[in-house]
Amino acid sequence: MTKLTIVANIIAKQDKVELIKSELLKLIDITRAEEGCLSYDLHQDNENPAHFLFFENWASRELWQVHMNTQHLADFVATTEGAIETFEVNEMTHIG
């Protein structure tokens, strides 16, 4: 199995920054406890507080896929519907 790095960029709508931040923070502890989660770190842009970034490392793509189908992610999507401007996920491989 090859380790997988995920970079997720989330841009909240300007009037929904605090909602998105609080909902993203709820994901951290529960996700870090999942099988295969090596790291799950949330960042907020210093210049644009509406921009959040998750930097994640997973033991395998298969275990990340299990994460993507969890109830807590489904709840996040439902709770934040209409509050996110853009959500982009990049699957990456560490090469050096």
PDB file of N, CA and C in Angstrom:
ATOM      1  N   MET A   1       0.839  -1.191   0.000  1.00  0.00           N
ATOM      2  CA  MET A   1       0.000   0.000   0.000  1.00  0.00           C
ATOM      3  C   MET A   1       0.878   1.247   0.000  1.00  0.00           C
ATOM      4  N   THR A   2       0.474   2.236  -0.774  1.00  0.00           N
ATOM      5  CA  THR A   2       1.194   3.489  -0.865  1.00  0.00           C
ATOM      6  C   THR A   2       0.506   4.539  -0.018  1.00  0.00           C
ATOM      7  N   LYS A   3       1.280   5.233   0.781  1.00  0.00           N
ATOM      8  CA  LYS A   3       0.747   6.321   1.586  1.00  0.00           C
ATOM      9  C   LYS A   3       0.159   7.388   0.671  1.00  0.00           C
ATOM     10  N   LEU A   4      -0.936   7.999   1.105  1.00  0.00           N
ATOM     11  CA  LEU A   4      -1.625   9.027   0.327  1.00  0.00           C
ATOM     12  C   LEU A   4      -1.642  10.326   1.108  1.00  0.00           C
ATOM     13  N   THR A   5      -1.295  11.418   0.437  1.00  0.00           N
ATOM     14  CA  THR A   5      -1.413  12.748   1.021  1.00  0.00           C
ATOM     15  C   THR A   5      -2.590  13.446   0.366  1.00  0.00           C
ATOM     16  N   ILE A   6      -3.409  14.073   1.191  1.00  0.00           N
ATOM     17  CA  ILE A   6      -4.559  14.826   0.716  1.00  0.00           C
ATOM     18  C   ILE A   6      -4.359  16.289   1.080  1.00  0.00           C
ATOM     19  N   VAL A   7      -4.571  17.161   0.101  1.00  0.00           N
ATOM     20  CA  VAL A   7      -4.607  18.592   0.349  1.00  0.00           C
ATOM     21  C   VAL A   7      -6.003  19.055  -0.054  1.00  0.00           C
ATOM     22  N   ALA A   8      -6.760  19.501   0.929  1.00  0.00           N
ATOM     23  CA  ALA A   8      -8.132  19.953   0.687  1.00  0.00           C
ATOM     24  C   ALA A   8      -8.211  21.450   0.955  1.00  0.00           C
ATOM     25  N   ASN A   9      -8.574  22.198  -0.073  1.00  0.00           N
ATOM     26  CA  ASN A   9      -8.757  23.646   0.042  1.00  0.00           C
ATOM     27  C   ASN A   9     -10.242  23.946   0.105  1.00  0.00           C
ATOM     28  N   ILE A  10     -10.640  24.633   1.168  1.00  0.00           N
ATOM     29  CA  ILE A  10     -12.043  24.977   1.368  1.00  0.00           C
ATOM     30  C   ILE A  10     -12.132  26.489   1.475  1.00  0.00           C
ATOM     31  N   ILE A  11     -12.961  27.094   0.634  1.00  0.00           N
ATOM     32  CA  ILE A  11     -13.201  28.524   0.702  1.00  0.00           C
ATOM     33  C   ILE A  11     -14.643  28.723   1.157  1.00  0.00           C
ATOM     34  N   ALA A  12     -14.790  29.308   2.340  1.00  0.00           N
ATOM     35  CA  ALA A  12     -16.123  29.578   2.872  1.00  0.00           C
ATOM     36  C   ALA A  12     -16.688  30.850   2.234  1.00  0.00           C
ATOM     37  N   LYS A  13     -17.997  30.915   2.142  1.00  0.00           N
ATOM     38  CA  LYS A  13     -18.628  32.179   1.773  1.00  0.00           C
ATOM     39  C   LYS A  13     -18.325  33.172   2.886  1.00  0.00           C
ATOM     40  N   GLN A  14     -18.146  34.445   2.511  1.00  0.00           N
ATOM     41  CA  GLN A  14     -17.675  35.456   3.465  1.00  0.00           C
ATOM     42  C   GLN A  14     -18.535  35.547   4.724  1.00  0.00           C
ATOM     43  N   ASP A  15     -19.819  35.349   4.609  1.00  0.00           N
ATOM     44  CA  ASP A  15     -20.692  35.459   5.777  1.00  0.00           C
ATOM     45  C   ASP A  15     -20.845  34.141   6.534  1.00  0.00           C
ATOM     46  N   LYS A  16     -20.087  33.103   6.129  1.00  0.00           N
ATOM     47  CA  LYS A  16     -20.205  31.783   6.752  1.00  0.00           C
ATOM     48  C   LYS A  16     -18.878  31.273   7.322  1.00  0.00           C
ATOM     49  N   VAL A  17     -17.884  32.148   7.461  1.00  0.00           N
ATOM     50  CA  VAL A  17     -16.543  31.735   7.893  1.00  0.00           C
ATOM     51  C   VAL A  17     -16.585  31.043   9.247  1.00  0.00           C
ATOM     52  N   GLU A  18     -17.270  31.629  10.217  1.00  0.00           N
ATOM     53  CA  GLU A  18     -17.285  31.044  11.562  1.00  0.00           C
ATOM     54  C   GLU A  18     -18.017  29.710  11.588  1.00  0.00           C
ATOM     55  N   LEU A  19     -19.084  29.573  10.814  1.00  0.00           N
ATOM     56  CA  LEU A  19     -19.794  28.292  10.725  1.00  0.00           C
ATOM     57  C   LEU A  19     -18.868  27.218  10.165  1.00  0.00           C
ATOM     58  N   ILE A  20     -18.208  27.522   9.067  1.00  0.00           N
ATOM     59  CA  ILE A  20     -17.321  26.537   8.436  1.00  0.00           C
ATOM     60  C   ILE A  20     -16.175  26.185   9.379  1.00  0.00           C
ATOM     61  N   LYS A  21     -15.589  27.179  10.009  1.00  0.00           N
ATOM     62  CA  LYS A  21     -14.479  26.923  10.936  1.00  0.00           C
ATOM     63  C   LYS A  21     -14.920  25.987  12.058  1.00  0.00           C
ATOM     64  N   SER A  22     -16.053  26.267  12.673  1.00  0.00           N
ATOM     65  CA  SER A  22     -16.495  25.435  13.791  1.00  0.00           C
ATOM     66  C   SER A  22     -16.821  24.016  13.337  1.00  0.00           C
ATOM     67  N   GLU A  23     -17.399  23.873  12.154  1.00  0.00           N
ATOM     68  CA  GLU A  23     -17.727  22.534  11.647  1.00  0.00           C
ATOM     69  C   GLU A  23     -16.468  21.765  11.246  1.00  0.00           C
ATOM     70  N   LEU A  24     -15.475  22.445  10.675  1.00  0.00           N
ATOM     71  CA  LEU A  24     -14.213  21.783  10.328  1.00  0.00           C
ATOM     72  C   LEU A  24     -13.484  21.321  11.587  1.00  0.00           C
ATOM     73  N   LEU A  25     -13.491  22.149  12.611  1.00  0.00           N
ATOM     74  CA  LEU A  25     -12.816  21.781  13.862  1.00  0.00           C
ATOM     75  C   LEU A  25     -13.427  20.518  14.477  1.00  0.00           C
ATOM     76  N   LYS A  26     -14.725  20.327  14.307  1.00  0.00           N
ATOM     77  CA  LYS A  26     -15.395  19.132  14.831  1.00  0.00           C
ATOM     78  C   LYS A  26     -14.883  17.846  14.192  1.00  0.00           C
ATOM     79  N   LEU A  27     -14.352  17.941  12.978  1.00  0.00           N
ATOM     80  CA  LEU A  27     -13.900  16.755  12.242  1.00  0.00           C
ATOM     81  C   LEU A  27     -12.549  16.220  12.737  1.00  0.00           C
ATOM     82  N   ILE A  28     -11.769  17.055  13.397  1.00  0.00           N
ATOM     83  CA  ILE A  28     -10.371  16.711  13.664  1.00  0.00           C
ATOM     84  C   ILE A  28     -10.214  15.483  14.562  1.00  0.00           C
ATOM     85  N   ASP A  29     -10.731  15.533  15.764  1.00  0.00           N
ATOM     86  CA  ASP A  29     -10.484  14.428  16.703  1.00  0.00           C
ATOM     87  C   ASP A  29     -11.072  13.108  16.212  1.00  0.00           C
ATOM     88  N   ILE A  30     -12.278  13.148  15.682  1.00  0.00           N
ATOM     89  CA  ILE A  30     -12.921  11.917  15.225  1.00  0.00           C
ATOM     90  C   ILE A  30     -12.167  11.319  14.033  1.00  0.00           C
ATOM     91  N   THR A  31     -11.662  12.185  13.153  1.00  0.00           N
ATOM     92  CA  THR A  31     -10.917  11.691  11.987  1.00  0.00           C
ATOM     93  C   THR A  31      -9.556  11.158  12.399  1.00  0.00           C
ATOM     94  N   ARG A  32      -8.874  11.834  13.298  1.00  0.00           N
ATOM     95  CA  ARG A  32      -7.557  11.369  13.748  1.00  0.00           C
ATOM     96  C   ARG A  32      -7.630   9.988  14.387  1.00  0.00           C
ATOM     97  N   ALA A  33      -8.797   9.620  14.902  1.00  0.00           N
ATOM     98  CA  ALA A  33      -8.975   8.307  15.529  1.00  0.00           C
ATOM     99  C   ALA A  33      -9.293   7.203  14.519  1.00  0.00           C
ATOM    100  N   GLU A  34      -9.521   7.570  13.259  1.00  0.00           N
ATOM    101  CA  GLU A  34      -9.866   6.583  12.238  1.00  0.00           C
ATOM    102  C   GLU A  34      -8.658   5.728  11.855  1.00  0.00           C
ATOM    103  N   GLU A  35      -8.940   4.487  11.493  1.00  0.00           N
ATOM    104  CA  GLU A  35      -7.902   3.589  10.997  1.00  0.00           C
ATOM    105  C   GLU A  35      -7.262   4.186   9.752  1.00  0.00           C
ATOM    106  N   GLY A  36      -5.941   4.210   9.735  1.00  0.00           N
ATOM    107  CA  GLY A  36      -5.215   4.675   8.559  1.00  0.00           C
ATOM    108  C   GLY A  36      -4.896   6.147   8.546  1.00  0.00           C
ATOM    109  N   CYS A  37      -5.469   6.928   9.462  1.00  0.00           N
ATOM    110  CA  CYS A  37      -5.172   8.361   9.509  1.00  0.00           C
ATOM    111  C   CYS A  37      -3.826   8.566  10.190  1.00  0.00           C
ATOM    112  N   LEU A  38      -2.855   9.067   9.435  1.00  0.00           N
ATOM    113  CA  LEU A  38      -1.518   9.326   9.964  1.00  0.00           C
ATOM    114  C   LEU A  38      -1.393  10.760  10.478  1.00  0.00           C
ATOM    115  N   SER A  39      -2.052  11.688   9.802  1.00  0.00           N
ATOM    116  CA  SER A  39      -2.119  13.083  10.256  1.00  0.00           C
ATOM    117  C   SER A  39      -3.306  13.751   9.582  1.00  0.00           C
ATOM    118  N   TYR A  40      -3.871  14.725  10.283  1.00  0.00           N
ATOM    119  CA  TYR A  40      -5.064  15.423   9.798  1.00  0.00           C
ATOM    120  C   TYR A  40      -5.023  16.817  10.402  1.00  0.00           C
ATOM    121  N   ASP A  41      -4.442  17.758   9.662  1.00  0.00           N
ATOM    122  CA  ASP A  41      -4.137  19.079  10.206  1.00  0.00           C
ATOM    123  C   ASP A  41      -4.879  20.167   9.446  1.00  0.00           C
ATOM    124  N   LEU A  42      -5.597  20.994  10.199  1.00  0.00           N
ATOM    125  CA  LEU A  42      -6.380  22.087   9.628  1.00  0.00           C
ATOM    126  C   LEU A  42      -5.612  23.393   9.759  1.00  0.00           C
ATOM    127  N   HIS A  43      -5.646  24.180   8.688  1.00  0.00           N
ATOM    128  CA  HIS A  43      -4.979  25.486   8.653  1.00  0.00           C
ATOM    129  C   HIS A  43      -5.982  26.533   8.179  1.00  0.00           C
ATOM    130  N   GLN A  44      -5.770  27.780   8.615  1.00  0.00           N
ATOM    131  CA  GLN A  44      -6.572  28.907   8.156  1.00  0.00           C
ATOM    132  C   GLN A  44      -5.626  29.974   7.636  1.00  0.00           C
ATOM    133  N   ASP A  45      -5.927  30.515   6.469  1.00  0.00           N
ATOM    134  CA  ASP A  45      -5.073  31.509   5.825  1.00  0.00           C
ATOM    135  C   ASP A  45      -5.004  32.792   6.660  1.00  0.00           C
ATOM    136  N   ASN A  46      -3.804  33.313   6.842  1.00  0.00           N
ATOM    137  CA  ASN A  46      -3.601  34.525   7.638  1.00  0.00           C
ATOM    138  C   ASN A  46      -4.166  35.773   6.970  1.00  0.00           C
ATOM    139  N   GLU A  47      -4.189  35.791   5.656  1.00  0.00           N
ATOM    140  CA  GLU A  47      -4.662  36.970   4.919  1.00  0.00           C
ATOM    141  C   GLU A  47      -6.136  36.860   4.528  1.00  0.00           C
ATOM    142  N   ASN A  48      -6.606  35.634   4.342  1.00  0.00           N
ATOM    143  CA  ASN A  48      -7.994  35.411   3.936  1.00  0.00           C
ATOM    144  C   ASN A  48      -8.620  34.386   4.876  1.00  0.00           C
ATOM    145  N   PRO A  49      -9.267  34.826   5.942  1.00  0.00           N
ATOM    146  CA  PRO A  49      -9.808  33.893   6.931  1.00  0.00           C
ATOM    147  C   PRO A  49     -10.890  32.959   6.393  1.00  0.00           C
ATOM    148  N   ALA A  50     -11.379  33.208   5.203  1.00  0.00           N
ATOM    149  CA  ALA A  50     -12.378  32.313   4.597  1.00  0.00           C
ATOM    150  C   ALA A  50     -11.728  31.080   3.960  1.00  0.00           C
ATOM    151  N   HIS A  51     -10.396  31.076   3.866  1.00  0.00           N
ATOM    152  CA  HIS A  51      -9.669  29.981   3.212  1.00  0.00           C
ATOM    153  C   HIS A  51      -9.117  29.030   4.276  1.00  0.00           C
ATOM    154  N   PHE A  52      -9.577  27.787   4.201  1.00  0.00           N
ATOM    155  CA  PHE A  52      -9.108  26.730   5.088  1.00  0.00           C
ATOM    156  C   PHE A  52      -8.413  25.661   4.264  1.00  0.00           C
ATOM    157  N   LEU A  53      -7.451  24.994   4.877  1.00  0.00           N
ATOM    158  CA  LEU A  53      -6.727  23.929   4.191  1.00  0.00           C
ATOM    159  C   LEU A  53      -6.529  22.768   5.156  1.00  0.00           C
ATOM    160  N   PHE A  54      -6.924  21.583   4.720  1.00  0.00           N
ATOM    161  CA  PHE A  54      -6.586  20.366   5.443  1.00  0.00           C
ATOM    162  C   PHE A  54      -5.391  19.735   4.754  1.00  0.00           C
ATOM    163  N   PHE A  55      -4.368  19.389   5.532  1.00  0.00           N
ATOM    164  CA  PHE A  55      -3.223  18.625   5.049  1.00  0.00           C
ATOM    165  C   PHE A  55      -3.294  17.295   5.770  1.00  0.00           C
ATOM    166  N   GLU A  56      -3.503  16.232   5.003  1.00  0.00           N
ATOM    167  CA  GLU A  56      -3.771  14.915   5.576  1.00  0.00           C
ATOM    168  C   GLU A  56      -2.814  13.881   5.020  1.00  0.00           C
ATOM    169  N   ASN A  57      -2.464  12.915   5.848  1.00  0.00           N
ATOM    170  CA  ASN A  57      -1.710  11.757   5.393  1.00  0.00           C
ATOM    171  C   ASN A  57      -2.451  10.508   5.834  1.00  0.00           C
ATOM    172  N   TRP A  58      -2.618   9.602   4.877  1.00  0.00           N
ATOM    173  CA  TRP A  58      -3.351   8.355   5.098  1.00  0.00           C
ATOM    174  C   TRP A  58      -2.460   7.176   4.741  1.00  0.00           C
ATOM    175  N   ALA A  59      -2.653   6.072   5.433  1.00  0.00           N
ATOM    176  CA  ALA A  59      -1.852   4.867   5.191  1.00  0.00           C
ATOM    177  C   ALA A  59      -2.082   4.319   3.787  1.00  0.00           C
ATOM    178  N   SER A  60      -3.293   4.546   3.247  1.00  0.00           N
ATOM    179  CA  SER A  60      -3.593   4.076   1.883  1.00  0.00           C
ATOM    180  C   SER A  60      -4.799   4.840   1.342  1.00  0.00           C
ATOM    181  N   ARG A  61      -4.949   4.810   0.030  1.00  0.00           N
ATOM    182  CA  ARG A  61      -6.118   5.436  -0.592  1.00  0.00           C
ATOM    183  C   ARG A  61      -7.391   4.721  -0.152  1.00  0.00           C
ATOM    184  N   GLU A  62      -7.313   3.423   0.022  1.00  0.00           N
ATOM    185  CA  GLU A  62      -8.483   2.646   0.426  1.00  0.00           C
ATOM    186  C   GLU A  62      -9.014   3.110   1.791  1.00  0.00           C
ATOM    187  N   LEU A  63      -8.102   3.346   2.736  1.00  0.00           N
ATOM    188  CA  LEU A  63      -8.529   3.801   4.056  1.00  0.00           C
ATOM    189  C   LEU A  63      -9.039   5.239   4.014  1.00  0.00           C
ATOM    190  N   TRP A  64      -8.476   6.063   3.136  1.00  0.00           N
ATOM    191  CA  TRP A  64      -9.007   7.415   2.954  1.00  0.00           C
ATOM    192  C   TRP A  64     -10.421   7.350   2.379  1.00  0.00           C
ATOM    193  N   GLN A  65     -10.659   6.421   1.461  1.00  0.00           N
ATOM    194  CA  GLN A  65     -11.995   6.259   0.889  1.00  0.00           C
ATOM    195  C   GLN A  65     -13.001   5.870   1.974  1.00  0.00           C
ATOM    196  N   VAL A  66     -12.592   5.041   2.915  1.00  0.00           N
ATOM    197  CA  VAL A  66     -13.467   4.703   4.043  1.00  0.00           C
ATOM    198  C   VAL A  66     -13.821   5.987   4.798  1.00  0.00           C
ATOM    199  N   HIS A  67     -12.816   6.824   5.049  1.00  0.00           N
ATOM    200  CA  HIS A  67     -13.034   8.113   5.713  1.00  0.00           C
ATOM    201  C   HIS A  67     -14.038   8.966   4.942  1.00  0.00           C
ATOM    202  N   MET A  68     -13.914   8.991   3.630  1.00  0.00           N
ATOM    203  CA  MET A  68     -14.781   9.836   2.818  1.00  0.00           C
ATOM    204  C   MET A  68     -16.247   9.401   2.881  1.00  0.00           C
ATOM    205  N   ASN A  69     -16.496   8.201   3.347  1.00  0.00           N
ATOM    206  CA  ASN A  69     -17.860   7.685   3.436  1.00  0.00           C
ATOM    207  C   ASN A  69     -18.375   7.612   4.875  1.00  0.00           C
ATOM    208  N   THR A  70     -17.719   8.314   5.803  1.00  0.00           N
ATOM    209  CA  THR A  70     -18.131   8.270   7.204  1.00  0.00           C
ATOM    210  C   THR A  70     -19.344   9.165   7.461  1.00  0.00           C
ATOM    211  N   GLN A  71     -20.033   8.870   8.536  1.00  0.00           N
ATOM    212  CA  GLN A  71     -21.198   9.664   8.921  1.00  0.00           C
ATOM    213  C   GLN A  71     -20.806  11.092   9.287  1.00  0.00           C
ATOM    214  N   HIS A  72     -19.652  11.272   9.950  1.00  0.00           N
ATOM    215  CA  HIS A  72     -19.292  12.639  10.347  1.00  0.00           C
ATOM    216  C   HIS A  72     -19.008  13.534   9.140  1.00  0.00           C
ATOM    217  N   LEU A  73     -18.502  12.972   8.045  1.00  0.00           N
ATOM    218  CA  LEU A  73     -18.334  13.788   6.834  1.00  0.00           C
ATOM    219  C   LEU A  73     -19.684  14.072   6.180  1.00  0.00           C
ATOM    220  N   ALA A  74     -20.573  13.095   6.183  1.00  0.00           N
ATOM    221  CA  ALA A  74     -21.928  13.316   5.644  1.00  0.00           C
ATOM    222  C   ALA A  74     -22.635  14.406   6.448  1.00  0.00           C
ATOM    223  N   ASP A  75     -22.468  14.382   7.765  1.00  0.00           N
ATOM    224  CA  ASP A  75     -23.071  15.407   8.619  1.00  0.00           C
ATOM    225  C   ASP A  75     -22.482  16.781   8.314  1.00  0.00           C
ATOM    226  N   PHE A  76     -21.158  16.841   8.099  1.00  0.00           N
ATOM    227  CA  PHE A  76     -20.507  18.106   7.751  1.00  0.00           C
ATOM    228  C   PHE A  76     -21.101  18.668   6.460  1.00  0.00           C
ATOM    229  N   VAL A  77     -21.226  17.829   5.454  1.00  0.00           N
ATOM    230  CA  VAL A  77     -21.767  18.270   4.160  1.00  0.00           C
ATOM    231  C   VAL A  77     -23.190  18.800   4.337  1.00  0.00           C
ATOM    232  N   ALA A  78     -24.003  18.103   5.102  1.00  0.00           N
ATOM    233  CA  ALA A  78     -25.385  18.526   5.309  1.00  0.00           C
ATOM    234  C   ALA A  78     -25.461  19.849   6.075  1.00  0.00           C
ATOM    235  N   THR A  79     -24.652  19.984   7.111  1.00  0.00           N
ATOM    236  CA  THR A  79     -24.678  21.177   7.960  1.00  0.00           C
ATOM    237  C   THR A  79     -24.171  22.410   7.226  1.00  0.00           C
ATOM    238  N   THR A  80     -23.220  22.235   6.314  1.00  0.00           N
ATOM    239  CA  THR A  80     -22.585  23.380   5.643  1.00  0.00           C
ATOM    240  C   THR A  80     -23.115  23.622   4.236  1.00  0.00           C
ATOM    241  N   GLU A  81     -24.173  22.939   3.873  1.00  0.00           N
ATOM    242  CA  GLU A  81     -24.728  23.106   2.526  1.00  0.00           C
ATOM    243  C   GLU A  81     -25.017  24.584   2.246  1.00  0.00           C
ATOM    244  N   GLY A  82     -24.502  25.083   1.124  1.00  0.00           N
ATOM    245  CA  GLY A  82     -24.714  26.468   0.734  1.00  0.00           C
ATOM    246  C   GLY A  82     -23.772  27.464   1.379  1.00  0.00           C
ATOM    247  N   ALA A  83     -22.876  27.005   2.264  1.00  0.00           N
ATOM    248  CA  ALA A  83     -21.984  27.914   2.986  1.00  0.00           C
ATOM    249  C   ALA A  83     -20.562  27.921   2.434  1.00  0.00           C
ATOM    250  N   ILE A  84     -20.282  27.029   1.477  1.00  0.00           N
ATOM    251  CA  ILE A  84     -18.932  26.902   0.938  1.00  0.00           C
ATOM    252  C   ILE A  84     -18.902  27.415  -0.499  1.00  0.00           C
ATOM    253  N   GLU A  85     -17.934  28.295  -0.752  1.00  0.00           N
ATOM    254  CA  GLU A  85     -17.746  28.838  -2.101  1.00  0.00           C
ATOM    255  C   GLU A  85     -17.111  27.786  -3.009  1.00  0.00           C
ATOM    256  N   THR A  86     -15.972  27.222  -2.574  1.00  0.00           N
ATOM    257  CA  THR A  86     -15.288  26.172  -3.338  1.00  0.00           C
ATOM    258  C   THR A  86     -14.692  25.159  -2.379  1.00  0.00           C
ATOM    259  N   PHE A  87     -14.601  23.924  -2.867  1.00  0.00           N
ATOM    260  CA  PHE A  87     -14.007  22.824  -2.094  1.00  0.00           C
ATOM    261  C   PHE A  87     -13.231  21.979  -3.093  1.00  0.00           C
ATOM    262  N   GLU A  88     -11.909  22.019  -3.006  1.00  0.00           N
ATOM    263  CA  GLU A  88     -11.054  21.297  -3.946  1.00  0.00           C
ATOM    264  C   GLU A  88     -10.169  20.327  -3.175  1.00  0.00           C
ATOM    265  N   VAL A  89     -10.141  19.085  -3.640  1.00  0.00           N
ATOM    266  CA  VAL A  89      -9.343  18.042  -3.004  1.00  0.00           C
ATOM    267  C   VAL A  89      -8.310  17.535  -4.003  1.00  0.00           C
ATOM    268  N   ASN A  90      -7.038  17.508  -3.587  1.00  0.00           N
ATOM    269  CA  ASN A  90      -5.962  16.964  -4.400  1.00  0.00           C
ATOM    270  C   ASN A  90      -5.399  15.737  -3.707  1.00  0.00           C
ATOM    271  N   GLU A  91      -5.349  14.626  -4.441  1.00  0.00           N
ATOM    272  CA  GLU A  91      -4.707  13.404  -3.961  1.00  0.00           C
ATOM    273  C   GLU A  91      -3.260  13.450  -4.443  1.00  0.00           C
ATOM    274  N   MET A  92      -2.328  13.311  -3.521  1.00  0.00           N
ATOM    275  CA  MET A  92      -0.919  13.484  -3.855  1.00  0.00           C
ATOM    276  C   MET A  92      -0.079  12.355  -3.291  1.00  0.00           C
ATOM    277  N   THR A  93       1.089  12.134  -3.914  1.00  0.00           N
ATOM    278  CA  THR A  93       2.041  11.133  -3.484  1.00  0.00           C
ATOM    279  C   THR A  93       3.343  11.819  -3.116  1.00  0.00           C
ATOM    280  N   HIS A  94       3.864  11.519  -1.935  1.00  0.00           N
ATOM    281  CA  HIS A  94       5.145  12.069  -1.490  1.00  0.00           C
ATOM    282  C   HIS A  94       6.269  11.486  -2.362  1.00  0.00           C
ATOM    283  N   ILE A  95       7.071  12.342  -2.955  1.00  0.00           N
ATOM    284  CA  ILE A  95       8.112  11.856  -3.870  1.00  0.00           C
ATOM    285  C   ILE A  95       9.525  12.245  -3.444  1.00  0.00           C
ATOM    286  N   GLY A  96       9.672  12.941  -2.350  1.00  0.00           N
ATOM    287  CA  GLY A  96      11.024  13.304  -1.949  1.00  0.00           C
ATOM    288  C   GLY A  96      11.120  13.801  -0.559  1.00  0.00           C
TER     289      GLY A  96
END
